[in-house]
Amino acid sequence: MTKTKRRVFDASFKLQVVQMIRAQGLSIGEVCGDMKLGETAVRRWLAQVDAEQLGQPGIGKPLTAEQQRIRQLEAENRQLRGDVDILKKASAFFARQLR
């Protein structure tokens, strides 16, 4: 029994597929048949773009540039908060040592 490799698509490809459906008026079935894509995946991409356009995070990896930047800034914010917590604990430790 051989396993087929799972295909991975980048955000720009997903956005192109969504734009084909939205801007050109093609049906999901037509696009999926022509490009050999699964309908479930394409419907998920459509739902994610809709959510991101409403300012919601959506599910999975962000597709739009704005949502990608937001995710990056949130990760950086988490890292910086962790760094601040470590520094607070270290300064409290050394302050006790000086007494």
N, C-alpha and C. Protein backbone atom coordinates (compact mmCIF):
# COMPACT_ATOMS: atom_id res chain seq x y z
N MET A 1 0.84 -1.18 0.00
CA MET A 1 0.00 0.00 0.00
C MET A 1 0.89 1.24 0.00
N THR A 2 0.75 2.10 -0.98
CA THR A 2 1.56 3.30 -1.06
C THR A 2 0.75 4.51 -0.63
N LYS A 3 1.42 5.38 0.08
CA LYS A 3 0.77 6.60 0.51
C LYS A 3 1.05 7.71 -0.50
N THR A 4 0.03 8.50 -0.77
CA THR A 4 0.25 9.66 -1.62
C THR A 4 0.68 10.82 -0.74
N LYS A 5 1.59 11.61 -1.26
CA LYS A 5 2.07 12.76 -0.51
C LYS A 5 0.98 13.82 -0.45
N ARG A 6 0.87 14.43 0.69
CA ARG A 6 -0.07 15.51 0.86
C ARG A 6 0.49 16.76 0.19
N ARG A 7 -0.32 17.38 -0.64
CA ARG A 7 0.15 18.58 -1.33
C ARG A 7 0.02 19.79 -0.41
N VAL A 8 0.99 20.68 -0.52
CA VAL A 8 1.01 21.89 0.29
C VAL A 8 0.97 23.08 -0.66
N PHE A 9 0.08 24.02 -0.38
CA PHE A 9 -0.07 25.19 -1.22
C PHE A 9 0.27 26.43 -0.40
N ASP A 10 0.96 27.38 -1.03
CA ASP A 10 1.30 28.60 -0.32
C ASP A 10 0.12 29.57 -0.35
N ALA A 11 0.23 30.62 0.45
CA ALA A 11 -0.87 31.56 0.61
C ALA A 11 -1.22 32.27 -0.69
N SER A 12 -0.22 32.58 -1.50
CA SER A 12 -0.50 33.30 -2.75
C SER A 12 -1.30 32.43 -3.71
N PHE A 13 -1.02 31.13 -3.76
CA PHE A 13 -1.79 30.23 -4.61
C PHE A 13 -3.24 30.15 -4.14
N LYS A 14 -3.41 30.05 -2.83
CA LYS A 14 -4.77 29.97 -2.28
C LYS A 14 -5.56 31.23 -2.60
N LEU A 15 -4.90 32.39 -2.49
CA LEU A 15 -5.58 33.65 -2.81
C LEU A 15 -5.93 33.72 -4.29
N GLN A 16 -5.07 33.19 -5.16
CA GLN A 16 -5.37 33.18 -6.59
C GLN A 16 -6.60 32.33 -6.88
N VAL A 17 -6.70 31.19 -6.21
CA VAL A 17 -7.86 30.31 -6.41
C VAL A 17 -9.12 31.03 -5.94
N VAL A 18 -9.06 31.67 -4.80
CA VAL A 18 -10.22 32.40 -4.27
C VAL A 18 -10.61 33.53 -5.23
N GLN A 19 -9.63 34.24 -5.76
CA GLN A 19 -9.92 35.33 -6.69
C GLN A 19 -10.54 34.81 -7.98
N MET A 20 -10.11 33.63 -8.43
CA MET A 20 -10.70 33.04 -9.63
C MET A 20 -12.19 32.78 -9.41
N ILE A 21 -12.51 32.32 -8.22
CA ILE A 21 -13.91 32.00 -7.93
C ILE A 21 -14.72 33.28 -7.77
N ARG A 22 -14.17 34.23 -7.03
CA ARG A 22 -14.91 35.46 -6.74
C ARG A 22 -14.95 36.42 -7.93
N ALA A 23 -13.80 36.73 -8.50
CA ALA A 23 -13.74 37.77 -9.53
C ALA A 23 -14.22 37.27 -10.89
N GLN A 24 -13.88 36.06 -11.25
CA GLN A 24 -14.23 35.55 -12.57
C GLN A 24 -15.58 34.85 -12.59
N GLY A 25 -16.14 34.63 -11.41
CA GLY A 25 -17.46 34.01 -11.35
C GLY A 25 -17.46 32.52 -11.65
N LEU A 26 -16.33 31.87 -11.54
CA LEU A 26 -16.27 30.43 -11.76
C LEU A 26 -16.84 29.70 -10.55
N SER A 27 -17.38 28.53 -10.80
CA SER A 27 -17.91 27.75 -9.69
C SER A 27 -16.76 27.01 -9.00
N ILE A 28 -17.00 26.61 -7.77
CA ILE A 28 -16.00 25.87 -7.02
C ILE A 28 -15.69 24.55 -7.72
N GLY A 29 -16.71 23.90 -8.22
CA GLY A 29 -16.53 22.63 -8.93
C GLY A 29 -15.67 22.76 -10.16
N GLU A 30 -15.88 23.84 -10.92
CA GLU A 30 -15.08 24.06 -12.13
C GLU A 30 -13.61 24.25 -11.80
N VAL A 31 -13.35 25.10 -10.81
CA VAL A 31 -11.98 25.38 -10.43
C VAL A 31 -11.31 24.12 -9.90
N CYS A 32 -12.02 23.39 -9.05
CA CYS A 32 -11.45 22.17 -8.47
C CYS A 32 -11.17 21.12 -9.54
N GLY A 33 -12.05 20.99 -10.49
CA GLY A 33 -11.85 20.03 -11.56
C GLY A 33 -10.68 20.39 -12.45
N ASP A 34 -10.59 21.66 -12.81
CA ASP A 34 -9.50 22.11 -13.69
C ASP A 34 -8.14 22.02 -13.02
N MET A 35 -8.09 22.34 -11.73
CA MET A 35 -6.80 22.40 -11.04
C MET A 35 -6.51 21.17 -10.19
N LYS A 36 -7.42 20.20 -10.24
CA LYS A 36 -7.28 18.96 -9.47
C LYS A 36 -7.11 19.25 -7.98
N LEU A 37 -8.05 20.04 -7.45
CA LEU A 37 -8.05 20.39 -6.03
C LEU A 37 -9.28 19.78 -5.38
N GLY A 38 -9.19 19.58 -4.07
CA GLY A 38 -10.34 19.09 -3.34
C GLY A 38 -11.30 20.22 -3.01
N GLU A 39 -12.57 19.95 -3.16
CA GLU A 39 -13.57 20.99 -2.89
C GLU A 39 -13.56 21.44 -1.44
N THR A 40 -13.32 20.52 -0.54
CA THR A 40 -13.30 20.87 0.89
C THR A 40 -12.22 21.89 1.18
N ALA A 41 -11.06 21.69 0.62
CA ALA A 41 -9.95 22.62 0.84
C ALA A 41 -10.29 23.99 0.28
N VAL A 42 -10.83 24.03 -0.92
CA VAL A 42 -11.15 25.31 -1.55
C VAL A 42 -12.24 26.04 -0.76
N ARG A 43 -13.23 25.31 -0.30
CA ARG A 43 -14.28 25.93 0.52
C ARG A 43 -13.70 26.49 1.82
N ARG A 44 -12.73 25.79 2.39
CA ARG A 44 -12.08 26.26 3.61
C ARG A 44 -11.29 27.54 3.33
N TRP A 45 -10.63 27.59 2.16
CA TRP A 45 -9.88 28.79 1.79
C TRP A 45 -10.83 29.97 1.62
N LEU A 46 -11.98 29.73 1.00
CA LEU A 46 -12.97 30.79 0.83
C LEU A 46 -13.46 31.31 2.18
N ALA A 47 -13.75 30.38 3.09
CA ALA A 47 -14.22 30.77 4.42
C ALA A 47 -13.14 31.55 5.18
N GLN A 48 -11.90 31.15 5.01
CA GLN A 48 -10.82 31.83 5.71
C GLN A 48 -10.63 33.25 5.17
N VAL A 49 -10.69 33.43 3.87
CA VAL A 49 -10.56 34.77 3.31
C VAL A 49 -11.72 35.65 3.77
N ASP A 50 -12.92 35.10 3.80
CA ASP A 50 -14.08 35.86 4.29
C ASP A 50 -13.86 36.30 5.73
N ALA A 51 -13.39 35.38 6.57
CA ALA A 51 -13.16 35.70 7.99
C ALA A 51 -12.08 36.77 8.12
N GLU A 52 -11.01 36.64 7.36
CA GLU A 52 -9.91 37.61 7.45
C GLU A 52 -10.34 38.99 6.96
N GLN A 53 -11.21 39.04 5.98
CA GLN A 53 -11.68 40.33 5.50
C GLN A 53 -12.58 41.01 6.52
N LEU A 54 -13.19 40.23 7.39
CA LEU A 54 -14.01 40.79 8.47
C LEU A 54 -13.18 41.12 9.70
N GLY A 55 -11.88 40.90 9.62
CA GLY A 55 -10.99 41.22 10.74
C GLY A 55 -10.84 40.09 11.74
N GLN A 56 -11.40 38.94 11.46
CA GLN A 56 -11.26 37.79 12.34
C GLN A 56 -10.02 37.00 11.94
N PRO A 57 -9.45 36.24 12.88
CA PRO A 57 -8.23 35.52 12.54
C PRO A 57 -8.40 34.37 11.57
N GLY A 58 -9.57 33.79 11.46
CA GLY A 58 -9.76 32.65 10.58
C GLY A 58 -9.13 31.41 11.18
N ILE A 59 -9.07 30.35 10.39
CA ILE A 59 -8.49 29.10 10.87
C ILE A 59 -7.26 28.78 10.03
N GLY A 60 -6.30 28.16 10.62
CA GLY A 60 -5.10 27.79 9.88
C GLY A 60 -4.16 28.96 9.68
N LYS A 61 -3.26 28.80 8.75
CA LYS A 61 -2.29 29.85 8.45
C LYS A 61 -3.00 31.01 7.76
N PRO A 62 -2.63 32.23 8.13
CA PRO A 62 -3.28 33.38 7.50
C PRO A 62 -2.96 33.48 6.02
N LEU A 63 -3.94 33.94 5.25
CA LEU A 63 -3.77 34.06 3.81
C LEU A 63 -3.44 35.48 3.39
N THR A 64 -4.11 36.46 3.98
CA THR A 64 -3.88 37.84 3.56
C THR A 64 -2.64 38.39 4.24
N ALA A 65 -2.03 39.37 3.59
CA ALA A 65 -0.80 39.97 4.12
C ALA A 65 -1.05 40.62 5.48
N GLU A 66 -2.21 41.23 5.65
CA GLU A 66 -2.52 41.88 6.92
C GLU A 66 -2.58 40.88 8.05
N GLN A 67 -3.24 39.75 7.81
CA GLN A 67 -3.35 38.73 8.85
C GLN A 67 -2.00 38.08 9.13
N GLN A 68 -1.16 37.94 8.12
CA GLN A 68 0.17 37.39 8.34
C GLN A 68 0.97 38.33 9.23
N ARG A 69 0.86 39.64 8.98
CA ARG A 69 1.58 40.62 9.79
C ARG A 69 1.05 40.63 11.22
N ILE A 70 -0.26 40.52 11.38
CA ILE A 70 -0.85 40.48 12.72
C ILE A 70 -0.33 39.28 13.49
N ARG A 71 -0.30 38.11 12.86
CA ARG A 71 0.21 36.91 13.53
C ARG A 71 1.67 37.09 13.93
N GLN A 72 2.46 37.71 13.04
CA GLN A 72 3.87 37.93 13.33
C GLN A 72 4.03 38.87 14.53
N LEU A 73 3.25 39.94 14.55
CA LEU A 73 3.33 40.89 15.67
C LEU A 73 2.85 40.28 16.98
N GLU A 74 1.83 39.43 16.92
CA GLU A 74 1.35 38.76 18.12
C GLU A 74 2.42 37.83 18.69
N ALA A 75 3.12 37.11 17.81
CA ALA A 75 4.19 36.22 18.27
C ALA A 75 5.33 37.03 18.89
N GLU A 76 5.67 38.14 18.25
CA GLU A 76 6.72 39.00 18.79
C GLU A 76 6.31 39.58 20.14
N ASN A 77 5.04 39.95 20.26
CA ASN A 77 4.52 40.48 21.52
C ASN A 77 4.61 39.43 22.63
N ARG A 78 4.25 38.18 22.33
CA ARG A 78 4.36 37.11 23.32
C ARG A 78 5.80 36.92 23.77
N GLN A 79 6.72 36.97 22.81
CA GLN A 79 8.14 36.80 23.12
C GLN A 79 8.63 37.93 24.03
N LEU A 80 8.26 39.15 23.70
CA LEU A 80 8.70 40.30 24.49
C LEU A 80 8.10 40.27 25.90
N ARG A 81 6.86 39.86 26.02
CA ARG A 81 6.25 39.75 27.35
C ARG A 81 6.98 38.70 28.20
N GLY A 82 7.36 37.61 27.57
CA GLY A 82 8.14 36.59 28.28
C GLY A 82 9.49 37.12 28.72
N ASP A 83 10.14 37.89 27.86
CA ASP A 83 11.42 38.49 28.20
C ASP A 83 11.29 39.45 29.38
N VAL A 84 10.22 40.25 29.38
CA VAL A 84 9.99 41.20 30.47
C VAL A 84 9.76 40.45 31.78
N ASP A 85 9.01 39.36 31.74
CA ASP A 85 8.76 38.57 32.95
C ASP A 85 10.07 38.02 33.52
N ILE A 86 10.93 37.53 32.64
CA ILE A 86 12.22 37.00 33.09
C ILE A 86 13.05 38.11 33.73
N LEU A 87 13.07 39.27 33.11
CA LEU A 87 13.83 40.39 33.66
C LEU A 87 13.29 40.85 35.01
N LYS A 88 11.98 40.84 35.17
CA LYS A 88 11.38 41.21 36.45
C LYS A 88 11.80 40.24 37.55
N LYS A 89 11.76 38.95 37.22
CA LYS A 89 12.15 37.95 38.21
C LYS A 89 13.62 38.05 38.55
N ALA A 90 14.45 38.31 37.55
CA ALA A 90 15.89 38.43 37.79
C ALA A 90 16.19 39.66 38.64
N SER A 91 15.53 40.77 38.36
CA SER A 91 15.79 41.98 39.15
C SER A 91 15.31 41.80 40.59
N ALA A 92 14.21 41.09 40.78
CA ALA A 92 13.74 40.82 42.15
C ALA A 92 14.73 39.91 42.87
N PHE A 93 15.28 38.94 42.18
CA PHE A 93 16.26 38.03 42.78
C PHE A 93 17.52 38.79 43.21
N PHE A 94 18.05 39.61 42.33
CA PHE A 94 19.26 40.35 42.65
C PHE A 94 19.02 41.43 43.70
N ALA A 95 17.82 41.97 43.74
CA ALA A 95 17.50 42.97 44.76
C ALA A 95 17.51 42.32 46.14
N ARG A 96 17.05 41.08 46.23
CA ARG A 96 17.08 40.35 47.51
C ARG A 96 18.52 40.05 47.92
N GLN A 97 19.37 39.79 46.95
CA GLN A 97 20.77 39.47 47.25
C GLN A 97 21.53 40.67 47.79
N LEU A 98 21.12 41.88 47.41
CA LEU A 98 21.81 43.07 47.85
C LEU A 98 21.47 43.45 49.29
N ARG A 99 20.38 42.98 49.82
CA ARG A 99 19.95 43.33 51.18
C ARG A 99 20.77 42.64 52.20
